[in-house]
Amino acid sequence: MMHYELEFCFPTHPKIILKAFVSAKDEQGAKSKFEEDYPNLVGCEILSVNVYKSERGK
């Protein structure tokens, strides 16, 4: 299981970029998990999906 950071925006406000964090097996799973965990944001455009590496463990 990997941790993913998704950047997304609302179609009507493309200059405001928001982030969400999910855990999934792969990138497609991360997109599905985003839709499942954040049902109010399903209409948003996902701009990028990146593996998230925490800086806290350093």
PDB file of N, CA and C in Angstrom:
ATOM      1  N   MET A   1       0.858  -1.175   0.000  1.00  0.00           N
ATOM      2  CA  MET A   1       0.000   0.000   0.000  1.00  0.00           C
ATOM      3  C   MET A   1       0.903   1.236   0.000  1.00  0.00           C
ATOM      4  N   MET A   2       0.617   2.142  -0.895  1.00  0.00           N
ATOM      5  CA  MET A   2       1.374   3.389  -1.026  1.00  0.00           C
ATOM      6  C   MET A   2       0.483   4.559  -0.610  1.00  0.00           C
ATOM      7  N   HIS A   3       1.115   5.658  -0.308  1.00  0.00           N
ATOM      8  CA  HIS A   3       0.398   6.891   0.010  1.00  0.00           C
ATOM      9  C   HIS A   3       0.537   7.820  -1.195  1.00  0.00           C
ATOM     10  N   TYR A   4      -0.581   8.420  -1.589  1.00  0.00           N
ATOM     11  CA  TYR A   4      -0.603   9.282  -2.764  1.00  0.00           C
ATOM     12  C   TYR A   4      -1.118  10.666  -2.410  1.00  0.00           C
ATOM     13  N   GLU A   5      -0.554  11.650  -3.089  1.00  0.00           N
ATOM     14  CA  GLU A   5      -0.988  13.036  -2.996  1.00  0.00           C
ATOM     15  C   GLU A   5      -1.646  13.384  -4.332  1.00  0.00           C
ATOM     16  N   LEU A   6      -2.877  13.818  -4.290  1.00  0.00           N
ATOM     17  CA  LEU A   6      -3.587  14.207  -5.508  1.00  0.00           C
ATOM     18  C   LEU A   6      -3.780  15.713  -5.508  1.00  0.00           C
ATOM     19  N   GLU A   7      -3.448  16.338  -6.614  1.00  0.00           N
ATOM     20  CA  GLU A   7      -3.729  17.756  -6.789  1.00  0.00           C
ATOM     21  C   GLU A   7      -4.950  17.849  -7.680  1.00  0.00           C
ATOM     22  N   PHE A   8      -5.896  18.705  -7.299  1.00  0.00           N
ATOM     23  CA  PHE A   8      -7.132  18.827  -8.060  1.00  0.00           C
ATOM     24  C   PHE A   8      -7.653  20.247  -8.004  1.00  0.00           C
ATOM     25  N   CYS A   9      -8.583  20.539  -8.892  1.00  0.00           N
ATOM     26  CA  CYS A   9      -9.216  21.863  -8.901  1.00  0.00           C
ATOM     27  C   CYS A   9     -10.682  21.709  -9.282  1.00  0.00           C
ATOM     28  N   PHE A  10     -11.460  22.733  -8.979  1.00  0.00           N
ATOM     29  CA  PHE A  10     -12.840  22.788  -9.414  1.00  0.00           C
ATOM     30  C   PHE A  10     -12.846  23.319 -10.841  1.00  0.00           C
ATOM     31  N   PRO A  11     -13.663  22.775 -11.722  1.00  0.00           N
ATOM     32  CA  PRO A  11     -13.682  23.228 -13.119  1.00  0.00           C
ATOM     33  C   PRO A  11     -13.941  24.726 -13.273  1.00  0.00           C
ATOM     34  N   THR A  12     -14.717  25.299 -12.360  1.00  0.00           N
ATOM     35  CA  THR A  12     -15.028  26.727 -12.464  1.00  0.00           C
ATOM     36  C   THR A  12     -13.937  27.613 -11.875  1.00  0.00           C
ATOM     37  N   HIS A  13     -12.971  27.025 -11.154  1.00  0.00           N
ATOM     38  CA  HIS A  13     -11.882  27.786 -10.543  1.00  0.00           C
ATOM     39  C   HIS A  13     -10.548  27.063 -10.772  1.00  0.00           C
ATOM     40  N   PRO A  14     -10.085  26.992 -12.011  1.00  0.00           N
ATOM     41  CA  PRO A  14      -8.892  26.202 -12.321  1.00  0.00           C
ATOM     42  C   PRO A  14      -7.584  26.747 -11.724  1.00  0.00           C
ATOM     43  N   LYS A  15      -7.574  27.989 -11.270  1.00  0.00           N
ATOM     44  CA  LYS A  15      -6.342  28.548 -10.706  1.00  0.00           C
ATOM     45  C   LYS A  15      -6.166  28.204  -9.229  1.00  0.00           C
ATOM     46  N   ILE A  16      -7.211  27.698  -8.587  1.00  0.00           N
ATOM     47  CA  ILE A  16      -7.130  27.308  -7.179  1.00  0.00           C
ATOM     48  C   ILE A  16      -6.878  25.800  -7.143  1.00  0.00           C
ATOM     49  N   ILE A  17      -5.670  25.419  -6.750  1.00  0.00           N
ATOM     50  CA  ILE A  17      -5.288  24.013  -6.723  1.00  0.00           C
ATOM     51  C   ILE A  17      -5.288  23.514  -5.282  1.00  0.00           C
ATOM     52  N   LEU A  18      -6.005  22.425  -5.054  1.00  0.00           N
ATOM     53  CA  LEU A  18      -6.133  21.824  -3.734  1.00  0.00           C
ATOM     54  C   LEU A  18      -5.443  20.468  -3.730  1.00  0.00           C
ATOM     55  N   LYS A  19      -5.201  19.919  -2.536  1.00  0.00           N
ATOM     56  CA  LYS A  19      -4.553  18.617  -2.407  1.00  0.00           C
ATOM     57  C   LYS A  19      -5.370  17.707  -1.507  1.00  0.00           C
ATOM     58  N   ALA A  20      -5.300  16.424  -1.809  1.00  0.00           N
ATOM     59  CA  ALA A  20      -5.913  15.390  -0.973  1.00  0.00           C
ATOM     60  C   ALA A  20      -4.901  14.255  -0.859  1.00  0.00           C
ATOM     61  N   PHE A  21      -5.008  13.476   0.197  1.00  0.00           N
ATOM     62  CA  PHE A  21      -4.079  12.378   0.437  1.00  0.00           C
ATOM     63  C   PHE A  21      -4.869  11.098   0.657  1.00  0.00           C
ATOM     64  N   VAL A  22      -4.465  10.023  -0.036  1.00  0.00           N
ATOM     65  CA  VAL A  22      -5.120   8.721   0.096  1.00  0.00           C
ATOM     66  C   VAL A  22      -4.071   7.618   0.091  1.00  0.00           C
ATOM     67  N   SER A  23      -4.461   6.453   0.559  1.00  0.00           N
ATOM     68  CA  SER A  23      -3.611   5.264   0.496  1.00  0.00           C
ATOM     69  C   SER A  23      -4.255   4.280  -0.466  1.00  0.00           C
ATOM     70  N   ALA A  24      -3.443   3.712  -1.375  1.00  0.00           N
ATOM     71  CA  ALA A  24      -3.953   2.777  -2.370  1.00  0.00           C
ATOM     72  C   ALA A  24      -2.804   1.941  -2.922  1.00  0.00           C
ATOM     73  N   LYS A  25      -3.165   0.905  -3.702  1.00  0.00           N
ATOM     74  CA  LYS A  25      -2.157   0.017  -4.284  1.00  0.00           C
ATOM     75  C   LYS A  25      -1.440   0.643  -5.471  1.00  0.00           C
ATOM     76  N   ASP A  26      -2.171   1.463  -6.251  1.00  0.00           N
ATOM     77  CA  ASP A  26      -1.578   2.068  -7.441  1.00  0.00           C
ATOM     78  C   ASP A  26      -2.266   3.398  -7.745  1.00  0.00           C
ATOM     79  N   GLU A  27      -1.817   4.040  -8.825  1.00  0.00           N
ATOM     80  CA  GLU A  27      -2.337   5.365  -9.171  1.00  0.00           C
ATOM     81  C   GLU A  27      -3.837   5.327  -9.475  1.00  0.00           C
ATOM     82  N   GLN A  28      -4.279   4.332 -10.223  1.00  0.00           N
ATOM     83  CA  GLN A  28      -5.710   4.228 -10.535  1.00  0.00           C
ATOM     84  C   GLN A  28      -6.522   3.995  -9.265  1.00  0.00           C
ATOM     85  N   GLY A  29      -5.978   3.173  -8.362  1.00  0.00           N
ATOM     86  CA  GLY A  29      -6.633   2.940  -7.083  1.00  0.00           C
ATOM     87  C   GLY A  29      -6.726   4.214  -6.266  1.00  0.00           C
ATOM     88  N   ALA A  30      -5.697   5.066  -6.370  1.00  0.00           N
ATOM     89  CA  ALA A  30      -5.699   6.346  -5.650  1.00  0.00           C
ATOM     90  C   ALA A  30      -6.825   7.248  -6.165  1.00  0.00           C
ATOM     91  N   LYS A  31      -7.033   7.254  -7.475  1.00  0.00           N
ATOM     92  CA  LYS A  31      -8.117   8.055  -8.047  1.00  0.00           C
ATOM     93  C   LYS A  31      -9.476   7.540  -7.577  1.00  0.00           C
ATOM     94  N   SER A  32      -9.624   6.224  -7.562  1.00  0.00           N
ATOM     95  CA  SER A  32     -10.881   5.623  -7.103  1.00  0.00           C
ATOM     96  C   SER A  32     -11.114   5.907  -5.624  1.00  0.00           C
ATOM     97  N   LYS A  33     -10.060   5.809  -4.831  1.00  0.00           N
ATOM     98  CA  LYS A  33     -10.153   6.067  -3.390  1.00  0.00           C
ATOM     99  C   LYS A  33     -10.524   7.529  -3.136  1.00  0.00           C
ATOM    100  N   PHE A  34      -9.966   8.443  -3.932  1.00  0.00           N
ATOM    101  CA  PHE A  34     -10.297   9.863  -3.828  1.00  0.00           C
ATOM    102  C   PHE A  34     -11.805  10.057  -4.022  1.00  0.00           C
ATOM    103  N   GLU A  35     -12.355   9.437  -5.072  1.00  0.00           N
ATOM    104  CA  GLU A  35     -13.785   9.572  -5.346  1.00  0.00           C
ATOM    105  C   GLU A  35     -14.630   8.955  -4.234  1.00  0.00           C
ATOM    106  N   GLU A  36     -14.122   7.863  -3.650  1.00  0.00           N
ATOM    107  CA  GLU A  36     -14.848   7.195  -2.565  1.00  0.00           C
ATOM    108  C   GLU A  36     -14.778   7.986  -1.253  1.00  0.00           C
ATOM    109  N   ASP A  37     -13.582   8.489  -0.926  1.00  0.00           N
ATOM    110  CA  ASP A  37     -13.383   9.195   0.341  1.00  0.00           C
ATOM    111  C   ASP A  37     -13.903  10.626   0.323  1.00  0.00           C
ATOM    112  N   TYR A  38     -13.936  11.242  -0.846  1.00  0.00           N
ATOM    113  CA  TYR A  38     -14.354  12.642  -0.976  1.00  0.00           C
ATOM    114  C   TYR A  38     -15.497  12.754  -1.988  1.00  0.00           C
ATOM    115  N   PRO A  39     -16.679  12.200  -1.665  1.00  0.00           N
ATOM    116  CA  PRO A  39     -17.778  12.184  -2.646  1.00  0.00           C
ATOM    117  C   PRO A  39     -18.245  13.574  -3.077  1.00  0.00           C
ATOM    118  N   ASN A  40     -18.059  14.571  -2.251  1.00  0.00           N
ATOM    119  CA  ASN A  40     -18.476  15.932  -2.620  1.00  0.00           C
ATOM    120  C   ASN A  40     -17.545  16.561  -3.651  1.00  0.00           C
ATOM    121  N   LEU A  41     -16.399  15.931  -3.912  1.00  0.00           N
ATOM    122  CA  LEU A  41     -15.421  16.481  -4.848  1.00  0.00           C
ATOM    123  C   LEU A  41     -15.328  15.689  -6.145  1.00  0.00           C
ATOM    124  N   VAL A  42     -16.281  14.812  -6.402  1.00  0.00           N
ATOM    125  CA  VAL A  42     -16.232  13.945  -7.579  1.00  0.00           C
ATOM    126  C   VAL A  42     -16.176  14.748  -8.880  1.00  0.00           C
ATOM    127  N   GLY A  43     -16.784  15.911  -8.938  1.00  0.00           N
ATOM    128  CA  GLY A  43     -16.778  16.720 -10.155  1.00  0.00           C
ATOM    129  C   GLY A  43     -15.492  17.473 -10.396  1.00  0.00           C
ATOM    130  N   CYS A  44     -14.540  17.353  -9.493  1.00  0.00           N
ATOM    131  CA  CYS A  44     -13.275  18.067  -9.629  1.00  0.00           C
ATOM    132  C   CYS A  44     -12.385  17.407 -10.679  1.00  0.00           C
ATOM    133  N   GLU A  45     -11.490  18.209 -11.226  1.00  0.00           N
ATOM    134  CA  GLU A  45     -10.520  17.700 -12.194  1.00  0.00           C
ATOM    135  C   GLU A  45      -9.241  17.322 -11.457  1.00  0.00           C
ATOM    136  N   ILE A  46      -8.829  16.076 -11.550  1.00  0.00           N
ATOM    137  CA  ILE A  46      -7.577  15.640 -10.923  1.00  0.00           C
ATOM    138  C   ILE A  46      -6.435  16.038 -11.851  1.00  0.00           C
ATOM    139  N   LEU A  47      -5.537  16.852 -11.345  1.00  0.00           N
ATOM    140  CA  LEU A  47      -4.435  17.376 -12.146  1.00  0.00           C
ATOM    141  C   LEU A  47      -3.206  16.480 -12.098  1.00  0.00           C
ATOM    142  N   SER A  48      -2.940  15.885 -10.923  1.00  0.00           N
ATOM    143  CA  SER A  48      -1.781  15.003 -10.808  1.00  0.00           C
ATOM    144  C   SER A  48      -1.970  14.044  -9.639  1.00  0.00           C
ATOM    145  N   VAL A  49      -1.304  12.901  -9.751  1.00  0.00           N
ATOM    146  CA  VAL A  49      -1.294  11.887  -8.699  1.00  0.00           C
ATOM    147  C   VAL A  49       0.168  11.521  -8.488  1.00  0.00           C
ATOM    148  N   ASN A  50       0.671  11.762  -7.276  1.00  0.00           N
ATOM    149  CA  ASN A  50       2.082  11.522  -6.977  1.00  0.00           C
ATOM    150  C   ASN A  50       2.226  10.685  -5.718  1.00  0.00           C
ATOM    151  N   VAL A  51       3.255   9.834  -5.706  1.00  0.00           N
ATOM    152  CA  VAL A  51       3.562   9.090  -4.480  1.00  0.00           C
ATOM    153  C   VAL A  51       3.988  10.111  -3.440  1.00  0.00           C
ATOM    154  N   TYR A  52       3.423  10.006  -2.250  1.00  0.00           N
ATOM    155  CA  TYR A  52       3.709  10.954  -1.178  1.00  0.00           C
ATOM    156  C   TYR A  52       4.751  10.373  -0.233  1.00  0.00           C
ATOM    157  N   LYS A  53       5.800  11.141  -0.017  1.00  0.00           N
ATOM    158  CA  LYS A  53       6.848  10.745   0.926  1.00  0.00           C
ATOM    159  C   LYS A  53       6.909  11.791   2.029  1.00  0.00           C
ATOM    160  N   SER A  54       6.648  11.356   3.235  1.00  0.00           N
ATOM    161  CA  SER A  54       6.612  12.265   4.380  1.00  0.00           C
ATOM    162  C   SER A  54       8.002  12.774   4.725  1.00  0.00           C
ATOM    163  N   GLU A  55       8.072  14.031   5.083  1.00  0.00           N
ATOM    164  CA  GLU A  55       9.330  14.641   5.504  1.00  0.00           C
ATOM    165  C   GLU A  55       9.548  14.431   7.004  1.00  0.00           C
ATOM    166  N   ARG A  56       8.525  13.964   7.721  1.00  0.00           N
ATOM    167  CA  ARG A  56       8.593  13.854   9.174  1.00  0.00           C
ATOM    168  C   ARG A  56       9.588  12.801   9.631  1.00  0.00           C
ATOM    169  N   GLY A  57       9.804  11.761   8.864  1.00  0.00           N
ATOM    170  CA  GLY A  57      10.671  10.663   9.281  1.00  0.00           C
ATOM    171  C   GLY A  57      12.144  10.957   9.186  1.00  0.00           C
ATOM    172  N   LYS A  58      12.522  12.115   8.665  1.00  0.00           N
ATOM    173  CA  LYS A  58      13.946  12.433   8.471  1.00  0.00           C
ATOM    174  C   LYS A  58      14.586  12.948   9.723  1.00  0.00           C
TER     175      LYS A  58
END
